[in-house]
Amino acid sequence: MDLQKEIDFHQNVPELEEPVRPTEVAKFEEYAQAPDPGRNPLHRFLRHIHEHRPETILELGCGAGQLTTRLAKIGYQVTALELSPELLEATRMRAAMDGVSGRVETWQGDLTQFDCGDRRFDMVVAKLVLHHLDLEAALRMITRSLKPGGVLVVWEPVAFSTALQALRDVTPVKKEVSPNERQLTRADLARIRSCFANCQEDLFYLFARLHRVFPDHHLTRILLRGLECFDAFALANCPPLRHFAGTAVLCLRKPHQE
C-alpha cells in the first residue's frame, strides 16, 4: 500500500471542497432511528451499532467526520482514525460545531499501525474503508483492538461477478477511486469471517447502482428508493442474484476466549 499516494489523493476529495458546517438536526434523527435497514445499507450498518449499544467505538477511516459526530451525538464515545491530516482536522472542526468534542478522540496515521496499548474497544466500525487497506494488516489491528466478545460492523463495496466488474471499469460513470482501492471479493469476506466467532451478512444493490448514470434530481431519488425496494426483495428471495450484489454489510463478533 502506497501511503503517500493515498494522502495526496485525499487532499482533493469532495468532503474538503465545501467548508465544514454544523450537522442538520434531521441527519442526527436519521442516524439515531435508521428507519430502513431492509433496503438501505447505511441504515442496516447503523442498526447493528444500535442493537449492541457499545460504550466505546473505534472508527476506521473517519473521513471528514460525518459518521463520527453523528454517533457521538447519539451518545457513543468514538475514537476516530484517519490517514489524511486534512480530513482529520475537518472531523475535529465538525465535532466542535456539533458540540460533541468531549466524546470524540482522533488519531492520524496508517490505520493498520494504530496501537491502542492496553485499551480495548466494545466495537470497531469500518464504513467503506477496508477496501482501501491491506486486509491482513487491518484484521490484525482490528482483532487486537477489540475486547473479547467485541463486535466489528463493516460496510464495504463488493465484486463477486467478474463480468460486472469488467462492465464497471468501462462505463463512463465517474468513479472516485483512490490509488489503493479495490472492491472486496468473496474470498475477502471469507477471510474476514474466519477471524470471528459468528457473522451476519446482508447484501444490497443490484439495480439500485444504476441511479449513478442519471443526474441528481428528485425523480432520480424516487427511482433509487424503488430500486432499493426491488433489490431487497430479489436478494432475499432469489439466492443466485446475490452473486451480483454491489455492497455488503457484515456484523461479526470476536470470540470471548482469545
C-alpha atoms as a PDB file:
ATOM      1  CA  MET A   1       0.000   0.000   0.000  1.00  0.00           C
ATOM      2  CA  ASP A   2       1.409   3.398  -1.051  1.00  0.00           C
ATOM      3  CA  LEU A   3       0.521   5.654   1.886  1.00  0.00           C
ATOM      4  CA  GLN A   4       1.813   8.851   0.299  1.00  0.00           C
ATOM      5  CA  LYS A   5      -0.352   8.380  -2.789  1.00  0.00           C
ATOM      6  CA  GLU A   6      -3.379   7.905  -0.519  1.00  0.00           C
ATOM      7  CA  ILE A   7      -2.534  11.046   1.447  1.00  0.00           C
ATOM      8  CA  ASP A   8      -2.082  13.059  -1.758  1.00  0.00           C
ATOM      9  CA  PHE A   9      -5.351  11.740  -3.188  1.00  0.00           C
ATOM     10  CA  HIS A  10      -7.326  12.699  -0.072  1.00  0.00           C
ATOM     11  CA  GLN A  11      -6.206  16.324  -0.286  1.00  0.00           C
ATOM     12  CA  ASN A  12      -8.728  16.793  -3.113  1.00  0.00           C
ATOM     13  CA  VAL A  13     -11.704  14.646  -2.122  1.00  0.00           C
ATOM     14  CA  PRO A  14     -15.268  16.080  -2.283  1.00  0.00           C
ATOM     15  CA  GLU A  15     -15.501  16.245   1.537  1.00  0.00           C
ATOM     16  CA  LEU A  16     -12.887  19.025   1.512  1.00  0.00           C
ATOM     17  CA  GLU A  17     -14.405  21.076  -1.309  1.00  0.00           C
ATOM     18  CA  GLU A  18     -17.065  22.637   0.923  1.00  0.00           C
ATOM     19  CA  PRO A  19     -16.455  24.339   4.278  1.00  0.00           C
ATOM     20  CA  VAL A  20     -17.372  22.316   7.362  1.00  0.00           C
ATOM     21  CA  ARG A  21     -20.822  23.230   8.687  1.00  0.00           C
ATOM     22  CA  PRO A  22     -22.878  22.103  11.686  1.00  0.00           C
ATOM     23  CA  THR A  23     -24.840  18.929  11.015  1.00  0.00           C
ATOM     24  CA  GLU A  24     -28.564  19.296  10.318  1.00  0.00           C
ATOM     25  CA  VAL A  25     -30.853  18.025  13.073  1.00  0.00           C
ATOM     26  CA  ALA A  26     -32.604  15.767  10.544  1.00  0.00           C
ATOM     27  CA  LYS A  27     -29.339  13.878   9.983  1.00  0.00           C
ATOM     28  CA  PHE A  28     -28.950  13.194  13.700  1.00  0.00           C
ATOM     29  CA  GLU A  29     -32.511  11.866  13.751  1.00  0.00           C
ATOM     30  CA  GLU A  30     -31.931   9.648  10.719  1.00  0.00           C
ATOM     31  CA  TYR A  31     -28.761   8.162  12.183  1.00  0.00           C
ATOM     32  CA  ALA A  32     -30.438   7.544  15.540  1.00  0.00           C
ATOM     33  CA  GLN A  33     -33.503   5.865  14.036  1.00  0.00           C
ATOM     34  CA  ALA A  34     -32.037   4.132  10.923  1.00  0.00           C
ATOM     35  CA  PRO A  35     -35.602   3.522   9.721  1.00  0.00           C
ATOM     36  CA  ASP A  36     -34.984   1.406   6.597  1.00  0.00           C
ATOM     37  CA  PRO A  37     -32.433  -1.343   7.384  1.00  0.00           C
ATOM     38  CA  GLY A  38     -34.064  -3.726   4.914  1.00  0.00           C
ATOM     39  CA  ARG A  39     -33.248  -1.714   1.813  1.00  0.00           C
ATOM     40  CA  ASN A  40     -30.662   0.860   2.888  1.00  0.00           C
ATOM     41  CA  PRO A  41     -27.119  -0.384   3.698  1.00  0.00           C
ATOM     42  CA  LEU A  42     -26.335   2.684   5.816  1.00  0.00           C
ATOM     43  CA  HIS A  43     -29.387   2.031   7.971  1.00  0.00           C
ATOM     44  CA  ARG A  44     -28.502  -1.664   8.301  1.00  0.00           C
ATOM     45  CA  PHE A  45     -24.976  -0.647   9.337  1.00  0.00           C
ATOM     46  CA  LEU A  46     -26.369   1.770  11.946  1.00  0.00           C
ATOM     47  CA  ARG A  47     -28.913  -0.717  13.259  1.00  0.00           C
ATOM     48  CA  HIS A  48     -26.130  -3.180  14.052  1.00  0.00           C
ATOM     49  CA  ILE A  49     -24.396  -0.479  16.065  1.00  0.00           C
ATOM     50  CA  HIS A  50     -27.539   0.480  17.970  1.00  0.00           C
ATOM     51  CA  GLU A  51     -28.536  -3.127  18.667  1.00  0.00           C
ATOM     52  CA  HIS A  52     -25.262  -3.727  20.530  1.00  0.00           C
ATOM     53  CA  ARG A  53     -25.143  -0.302  22.263  1.00  0.00           C
ATOM     54  CA  PRO A  54     -21.332  -0.207  22.684  1.00  0.00           C
ATOM     55  CA  GLU A  55     -19.868   2.159  25.246  1.00  0.00           C
ATOM     56  CA  THR A  56     -16.724   2.683  23.159  1.00  0.00           C
ATOM     57  CA  ILE A  57     -16.324   2.649  19.375  1.00  0.00           C
ATOM     58  CA  LEU A  58     -13.151   2.610  17.282  1.00  0.00           C
ATOM     59  CA  GLU A  59     -13.934   4.078  13.845  1.00  0.00           C
ATOM     60  CA  LEU A  60     -11.590   3.249  10.960  1.00  0.00           C
ATOM     61  CA  GLY A  61     -11.173   5.890   8.269  1.00  0.00           C
ATOM     62  CA  CYS A  62     -13.428   8.606   9.643  1.00  0.00           C
ATOM     63  CA  GLY A  63     -13.023  10.891   6.610  1.00  0.00           C
ATOM     64  CA  ALA A  64     -14.427  14.343   7.366  1.00  0.00           C
ATOM     65  CA  GLY A  65     -16.239  13.081  10.455  1.00  0.00           C
ATOM     66  CA  GLN A  66     -19.855  12.823   9.335  1.00  0.00           C
ATOM     67  CA  LEU A  67     -20.385   9.384  10.895  1.00  0.00           C
ATOM     68  CA  THR A  68     -18.108  10.269  13.829  1.00  0.00           C
ATOM     69  CA  THR A  69     -20.068  13.248  15.055  1.00  0.00           C
ATOM     70  CA  ARG A  70     -23.463  11.674  14.431  1.00  0.00           C
ATOM     71  CA  LEU A  71     -22.549   8.632  16.512  1.00  0.00           C
ATOM     72  CA  ALA A  72     -21.141  10.899  19.214  1.00  0.00           C
ATOM     73  CA  LYS A  73     -24.336  12.980  19.221  1.00  0.00           C
ATOM     74  CA  ILE A  74     -26.351   9.803  19.787  1.00  0.00           C
ATOM     75  CA  GLY A  75     -24.192   9.193  22.866  1.00  0.00           C
ATOM     76  CA  TYR A  76     -21.330   6.919  21.846  1.00  0.00           C
ATOM     77  CA  GLN A  77     -17.694   7.549  22.766  1.00  0.00           C
ATOM     78  CA  VAL A  78     -15.816   7.452  19.432  1.00  0.00           C
ATOM     79  CA  THR A  79     -12.091   7.142  18.721  1.00  0.00           C
ATOM     80  CA  ALA A  80     -11.694   8.139  15.065  1.00  0.00           C
ATOM     81  CA  LEU A  81      -8.706   7.059  12.953  1.00  0.00           C
ATOM     82  CA  GLU A  82      -7.808   8.723   9.663  1.00  0.00           C
ATOM     83  CA  LEU A  83      -4.777   8.739   7.341  1.00  0.00           C
ATOM     84  CA  SER A  84      -5.385  12.235   5.950  1.00  0.00           C
ATOM     85  CA  PRO A  85      -4.489  15.118   8.295  1.00  0.00           C
ATOM     86  CA  GLU A  86      -6.800  17.451   6.351  1.00  0.00           C
ATOM     87  CA  LEU A  87      -9.791  15.146   6.787  1.00  0.00           C
ATOM     88  CA  LEU A  88      -8.982  14.635  10.445  1.00  0.00           C
ATOM     89  CA  GLU A  89      -8.896  18.400  11.002  1.00  0.00           C
ATOM     90  CA  ALA A  90     -12.326  18.596   9.337  1.00  0.00           C
ATOM     91  CA  THR A  91     -13.518  15.920  11.776  1.00  0.00           C
ATOM     92  CA  ARG A  92     -12.313  17.963  14.758  1.00  0.00           C
ATOM     93  CA  MET A  93     -13.999  21.085  13.404  1.00  0.00           C
ATOM     94  CA  ARG A  94     -17.254  19.225  12.825  1.00  0.00           C
ATOM     95  CA  ALA A  95     -17.151  17.722  16.315  1.00  0.00           C
ATOM     96  CA  ALA A  96     -16.710  21.200  17.798  1.00  0.00           C
ATOM     97  CA  MET A  97     -19.558  22.652  15.720  1.00  0.00           C
ATOM     98  CA  ASP A  98     -21.852  19.773  16.676  1.00  0.00           C
ATOM     99  CA  GLY A  99     -20.953  20.090  20.363  1.00  0.00           C
ATOM    100  CA  VAL A 100     -19.500  16.599  20.748  1.00  0.00           C
ATOM    101  CA  SER A 101     -15.747  17.223  21.095  1.00  0.00           C
ATOM    102  CA  GLY A 102     -15.833  15.613  24.541  1.00  0.00           C
ATOM    103  CA  ARG A 103     -16.988  12.312  23.026  1.00  0.00           C
ATOM    104  CA  VAL A 104     -14.593  12.293  20.060  1.00  0.00           C
ATOM    105  CA  GLU A 105     -10.906  11.325  20.167  1.00  0.00           C
ATOM    106  CA  THR A 106      -8.819  11.453  16.974  1.00  0.00           C
ATOM    107  CA  TRP A 107      -5.664   9.706  15.745  1.00  0.00           C
ATOM    108  CA  GLN A 108      -3.848  10.382  12.466  1.00  0.00           C
ATOM    109  CA  GLY A 109      -1.703   7.858  10.613  1.00  0.00           C
ATOM    110  CA  ASP A 110      -1.661   4.450   8.925  1.00  0.00           C
ATOM    111  CA  LEU A 111      -4.804   2.783  10.276  1.00  0.00           C
ATOM    112  CA  THR A 112      -3.248  -0.658  10.267  1.00  0.00           C
ATOM    113  CA  GLN A 113      -0.497   0.593  12.614  1.00  0.00           C
ATOM    114  CA  PHE A 114      -2.810   2.003  15.276  1.00  0.00           C
ATOM    115  CA  ASP A 115      -1.683   0.863  18.736  1.00  0.00           C
ATOM    116  CA  CYS A 116      -4.363   1.033  21.409  1.00  0.00           C
ATOM    117  CA  GLY A 117      -1.947  -0.079  24.145  1.00  0.00           C
ATOM    118  CA  ASP A 118      -3.875  -1.769  26.944  1.00  0.00           C
ATOM    119  CA  ARG A 119      -7.189  -0.311  25.789  1.00  0.00           C
ATOM    120  CA  ARG A 120      -9.808  -2.493  24.141  1.00  0.00           C
ATOM    121  CA  PHE A 121     -12.973  -1.312  22.412  1.00  0.00           C
ATOM    122  CA  ASP A 122     -16.513  -2.664  22.568  1.00  0.00           C
ATOM    123  CA  MET A 123     -16.913  -2.154  18.825  1.00  0.00           C
ATOM    124  CA  VAL A 124     -14.924  -1.381  15.685  1.00  0.00           C
ATOM    125  CA  VAL A 125     -16.790   0.177  12.749  1.00  0.00           C
ATOM    126  CA  ALA A 126     -15.463   0.310   9.184  1.00  0.00           C
ATOM    127  CA  LYS A 127     -17.662   2.260   6.774  1.00  0.00           C
ATOM    128  CA  LEU A 128     -16.361   1.941   3.219  1.00  0.00           C
ATOM    129  CA  VAL A 129     -12.726   1.778   4.295  1.00  0.00           C
ATOM    130  CA  LEU A 130     -11.401  -1.813   4.368  1.00  0.00           C
ATOM    131  CA  HIS A 131     -11.256  -1.898   0.569  1.00  0.00           C
ATOM    132  CA  HIS A 132      -8.586   0.842   0.782  1.00  0.00           C
ATOM    133  CA  LEU A 133      -6.368  -1.150   3.180  1.00  0.00           C
ATOM    134  CA  ASP A 134      -4.107  -4.176   3.321  1.00  0.00           C
ATOM    135  CA  LEU A 135      -6.780  -6.569   4.574  1.00  0.00           C
ATOM    136  CA  GLU A 136      -4.494  -8.847   6.590  1.00  0.00           C
ATOM    137  CA  ALA A 137      -2.866  -5.930   8.402  1.00  0.00           C
ATOM    138  CA  ALA A 138      -6.263  -4.362   9.051  1.00  0.00           C
ATOM    139  CA  LEU A 139      -7.654  -7.582  10.519  1.00  0.00           C
ATOM    140  CA  ARG A 140      -4.691  -7.934  12.857  1.00  0.00           C
ATOM    141  CA  MET A 141      -5.228  -4.400  14.136  1.00  0.00           C
ATOM    142  CA  ILE A 142      -8.988  -4.867  14.500  1.00  0.00           C
ATOM    143  CA  THR A 143      -8.795  -8.114  16.453  1.00  0.00           C
ATOM    144  CA  ARG A 144      -6.053  -6.656  18.653  1.00  0.00           C
ATOM    145  CA  SER A 145      -8.205  -3.586  19.403  1.00  0.00           C
ATOM    146  CA  LEU A 146     -11.465  -5.392  20.227  1.00  0.00           C
ATOM    147  CA  LYS A 147     -12.435  -6.683  23.646  1.00  0.00           C
ATOM    148  CA  PRO A 148     -13.214 -10.412  23.852  1.00  0.00           C
ATOM    149  CA  GLY A 149     -16.810 -10.636  22.672  1.00  0.00           C
ATOM    150  CA  GLY A 150     -16.482  -7.245  20.950  1.00  0.00           C
ATOM    151  CA  VAL A 151     -18.235  -6.537  17.663  1.00  0.00           C
ATOM    152  CA  LEU A 152     -16.988  -5.474  14.224  1.00  0.00           C
ATOM    153  CA  VAL A 153     -19.509  -3.785  11.907  1.00  0.00           C
ATOM    154  CA  VAL A 154     -18.436  -3.452   8.265  1.00  0.00           C
ATOM    155  CA  TRP A 155     -19.994  -1.811   5.206  1.00  0.00           C
ATOM    156  CA  GLU A 156     -17.990  -2.354   2.025  1.00  0.00           C
ATOM    157  CA  PRO A 157     -18.348  -2.427  -1.786  1.00  0.00           C
ATOM    158  CA  VAL A 158     -18.085  -5.961  -3.154  1.00  0.00           C
ATOM    159  CA  ALA A 159     -17.475  -7.550  -6.556  1.00  0.00           C
ATOM    160  CA  PHE A 160     -18.407 -11.228  -6.738  1.00  0.00           C
ATOM    161  CA  SER A 161     -19.008 -11.162 -10.510  1.00  0.00           C
ATOM    162  CA  THR A 162     -16.001 -10.628 -12.773  1.00  0.00           C
ATOM    163  CA  ALA A 163     -18.363  -9.726 -15.641  1.00  0.00           C
ATOM    164  CA  LEU A 164     -19.960  -6.917 -13.661  1.00  0.00           C
ATOM    165  CA  GLN A 165     -16.537  -5.741 -12.518  1.00  0.00           C
ATOM    166  CA  ALA A 166     -15.380  -5.505 -16.136  1.00  0.00           C
ATOM    167  CA  LEU A 167     -18.559  -3.615 -17.053  1.00  0.00           C
ATOM    168  CA  ARG A 168     -17.984  -1.143 -14.202  1.00  0.00           C
ATOM    169  CA  ASP A 169     -14.471  -0.468 -15.454  1.00  0.00           C
ATOM    170  CA  VAL A 170     -15.629   0.517 -18.962  1.00  0.00           C
ATOM    171  CA  THR A 171     -18.761   2.544 -18.133  1.00  0.00           C
ATOM    172  CA  PRO A 172     -18.471   6.336 -18.467  1.00  0.00           C
ATOM    173  CA  VAL A 173     -19.739   6.938 -14.907  1.00  0.00           C
ATOM    174  CA  LYS A 174     -17.214   8.984 -12.926  1.00  0.00           C
ATOM    175  CA  LYS A 175     -15.516   6.999 -10.175  1.00  0.00           C
ATOM    176  CA  GLU A 176     -13.786   8.485  -7.142  1.00  0.00           C
ATOM    177  CA  VAL A 177     -11.169   5.742  -6.861  1.00  0.00           C
ATOM    178  CA  SER A 178      -8.160   6.126  -4.597  1.00  0.00           C
ATOM    179  CA  PRO A 179      -4.748   4.634  -5.555  1.00  0.00           C
ATOM    180  CA  ASN A 180      -5.118   1.544  -3.332  1.00  0.00           C
ATOM    181  CA  GLU A 181      -8.848   0.987  -3.657  1.00  0.00           C
ATOM    182  CA  ARG A 182     -10.459  -2.279  -4.764  1.00  0.00           C
ATOM    183  CA  GLN A 183     -13.828  -3.912  -4.238  1.00  0.00           C
ATOM    184  CA  LEU A 184     -13.842  -6.869  -1.850  1.00  0.00           C
ATOM    185  CA  THR A 185     -14.297 -10.397  -3.182  1.00  0.00           C
ATOM    186  CA  ARG A 186     -15.967 -13.493  -1.761  1.00  0.00           C
ATOM    187  CA  ALA A 187     -12.537 -14.670  -0.643  1.00  0.00           C
ATOM    188  CA  ASP A 188     -12.001 -11.377   1.215  1.00  0.00           C
ATOM    189  CA  LEU A 189     -15.320 -11.724   3.047  1.00  0.00           C
ATOM    190  CA  ALA A 190     -14.488 -15.340   3.931  1.00  0.00           C
ATOM    191  CA  ARG A 191     -11.151 -14.180   5.354  1.00  0.00           C
ATOM    192  CA  ILE A 192     -12.882 -11.556   7.492  1.00  0.00           C
ATOM    193  CA  ARG A 193     -15.388 -14.130   8.777  1.00  0.00           C
ATOM    194  CA  SER A 194     -12.592 -16.556   9.652  1.00  0.00           C
ATOM    195  CA  CYS A 195     -11.316 -14.179  12.359  1.00  0.00           C
ATOM    196  CA  PHE A 196     -14.613 -14.054  14.219  1.00  0.00           C
ATOM    197  CA  ALA A 197     -16.975 -16.376  16.054  1.00  0.00           C
ATOM    198  CA  ASN A 198     -20.088 -15.563  14.039  1.00  0.00           C
ATOM    199  CA  CYS A 199     -21.229 -13.305  11.231  1.00  0.00           C
ATOM    200  CA  GLN A 200     -24.426 -11.769   9.925  1.00  0.00           C
ATOM    201  CA  GLU A 201     -24.164 -10.751   6.272  1.00  0.00           C
ATOM    202  CA  ASP A 202     -26.597  -8.616   4.295  1.00  0.00           C
ATOM    203  CA  LEU A 203     -26.185  -7.754   0.620  1.00  0.00           C
ATOM    204  CA  PHE A 204     -27.527  -4.716  -1.230  1.00  0.00           C
ATOM    205  CA  TYR A 205     -27.533  -3.060  -4.651  1.00  0.00           C
ATOM    206  CA  LEU A 206     -28.430  -4.980  -7.761  1.00  0.00           C
ATOM    207  CA  PHE A 207     -30.219  -2.422  -9.905  1.00  0.00           C
ATOM    208  CA  ALA A 208     -30.018   0.441  -7.414  1.00  0.00           C
ATOM    209  CA  ARG A 209     -26.459   1.119  -8.569  1.00  0.00           C
ATOM    210  CA  LEU A 210     -27.913   2.250 -11.922  1.00  0.00           C
ATOM    211  CA  HIS A 211     -29.006   5.555 -10.377  1.00  0.00           C
ATOM    212  CA  ARG A 212     -25.419   6.763 -10.854  1.00  0.00           C
ATOM    213  CA  VAL A 213     -25.925   7.030 -14.621  1.00  0.00           C
ATOM    214  CA  PHE A 214     -28.710   9.603 -14.123  1.00  0.00           C
ATOM    215  CA  PRO A 215     -28.332  13.243 -13.000  1.00  0.00           C
ATOM    216  CA  ASP A 216     -29.050  14.091  -9.368  1.00  0.00           C
ATOM    217  CA  HIS A 217     -32.747  15.019  -9.362  1.00  0.00           C
ATOM    218  CA  HIS A 218     -35.748  14.368  -7.132  1.00  0.00           C
ATOM    219  CA  LEU A 219     -37.089  11.915  -9.726  1.00  0.00           C
ATOM    220  CA  THR A 220     -33.787  10.043  -9.597  1.00  0.00           C
ATOM    221  CA  ARG A 221     -34.083   9.813  -5.819  1.00  0.00           C
ATOM    222  CA  ILE A 222     -37.603   8.399  -6.165  1.00  0.00           C
ATOM    223  CA  LEU A 223     -36.272   5.877  -8.691  1.00  0.00           C
ATOM    224  CA  LEU A 224     -33.489   4.916  -6.286  1.00  0.00           C
ATOM    225  CA  ARG A 225     -35.942   4.173  -3.471  1.00  0.00           C
ATOM    226  CA  GLY A 226     -37.955   1.957  -5.801  1.00  0.00           C
ATOM    227  CA  LEU A 227     -34.862   0.108  -6.998  1.00  0.00           C
ATOM    228  CA  GLU A 228     -33.682  -0.401  -3.411  1.00  0.00           C
ATOM    229  CA  CYS A 229     -37.018  -1.986  -2.509  1.00  0.00           C
ATOM    230  CA  PHE A 230     -36.868  -4.260  -5.544  1.00  0.00           C
ATOM    231  CA  ASP A 231     -33.274  -5.227  -4.760  1.00  0.00           C
ATOM    232  CA  ALA A 232     -34.160  -6.100  -1.158  1.00  0.00           C
ATOM    233  CA  PHE A 233     -36.953  -8.400  -2.331  1.00  0.00           C
ATOM    234  CA  ALA A 234     -34.833 -10.004  -5.077  1.00  0.00           C
ATOM    235  CA  LEU A 235     -31.791 -10.628  -2.867  1.00  0.00           C
ATOM    236  CA  ALA A 236     -33.931 -12.154  -0.126  1.00  0.00           C
ATOM    237  CA  ASN A 237     -35.928 -14.430  -2.414  1.00  0.00           C
ATOM    238  CA  CYS A 238     -33.562 -15.345  -5.244  1.00  0.00           C
ATOM    239  CA  PRO A 239     -30.197 -16.560  -3.850  1.00  0.00           C
ATOM    240  CA  PRO A 240     -28.435 -16.730  -7.264  1.00  0.00           C
ATOM    241  CA  LEU A 241     -28.841 -12.963  -7.596  1.00  0.00           C
ATOM    242  CA  ARG A 242     -26.671 -12.455  -4.511  1.00  0.00           C
ATOM    243  CA  HIS A 243     -23.683 -13.120  -6.752  1.00  0.00           C
ATOM    244  CA  PHE A 244     -24.378  -9.768  -8.447  1.00  0.00           C
ATOM    245  CA  ALA A 245     -24.730  -7.607  -5.329  1.00  0.00           C
ATOM    246  CA  GLY A 246     -22.637  -4.458  -5.060  1.00  0.00           C
ATOM    247  CA  THR A 247     -22.487  -3.810  -1.314  1.00  0.00           C
ATOM    248  CA  ALA A 248     -22.169  -5.951   1.811  1.00  0.00           C
ATOM    249  CA  VAL A 249     -22.882  -5.108   5.462  1.00  0.00           C
ATOM    250  CA  LEU A 250     -21.397  -7.525   7.996  1.00  0.00           C
ATOM    251  CA  CYS A 251     -21.764  -7.768  11.760  1.00  0.00           C
ATOM    252  CA  LEU A 252     -19.180 -10.043  13.400  1.00  0.00           C
ATOM    253  CA  ARG A 253     -18.352 -10.924  16.990  1.00  0.00           C
ATOM    254  CA  LYS A 254     -14.891 -11.620  18.358  1.00  0.00           C
ATOM    255  CA  PRO A 255     -14.678 -14.892  20.352  1.00  0.00           C
ATOM    256  CA  HIS A 256     -14.977 -14.450  24.123  1.00  0.00           C
ATOM    257  CA  GLN A 257     -11.992 -16.776  24.547  1.00  0.00           C
ATOM    258  CA  GLU A 258      -8.784 -15.450  22.940  1.00  0.00           C
END
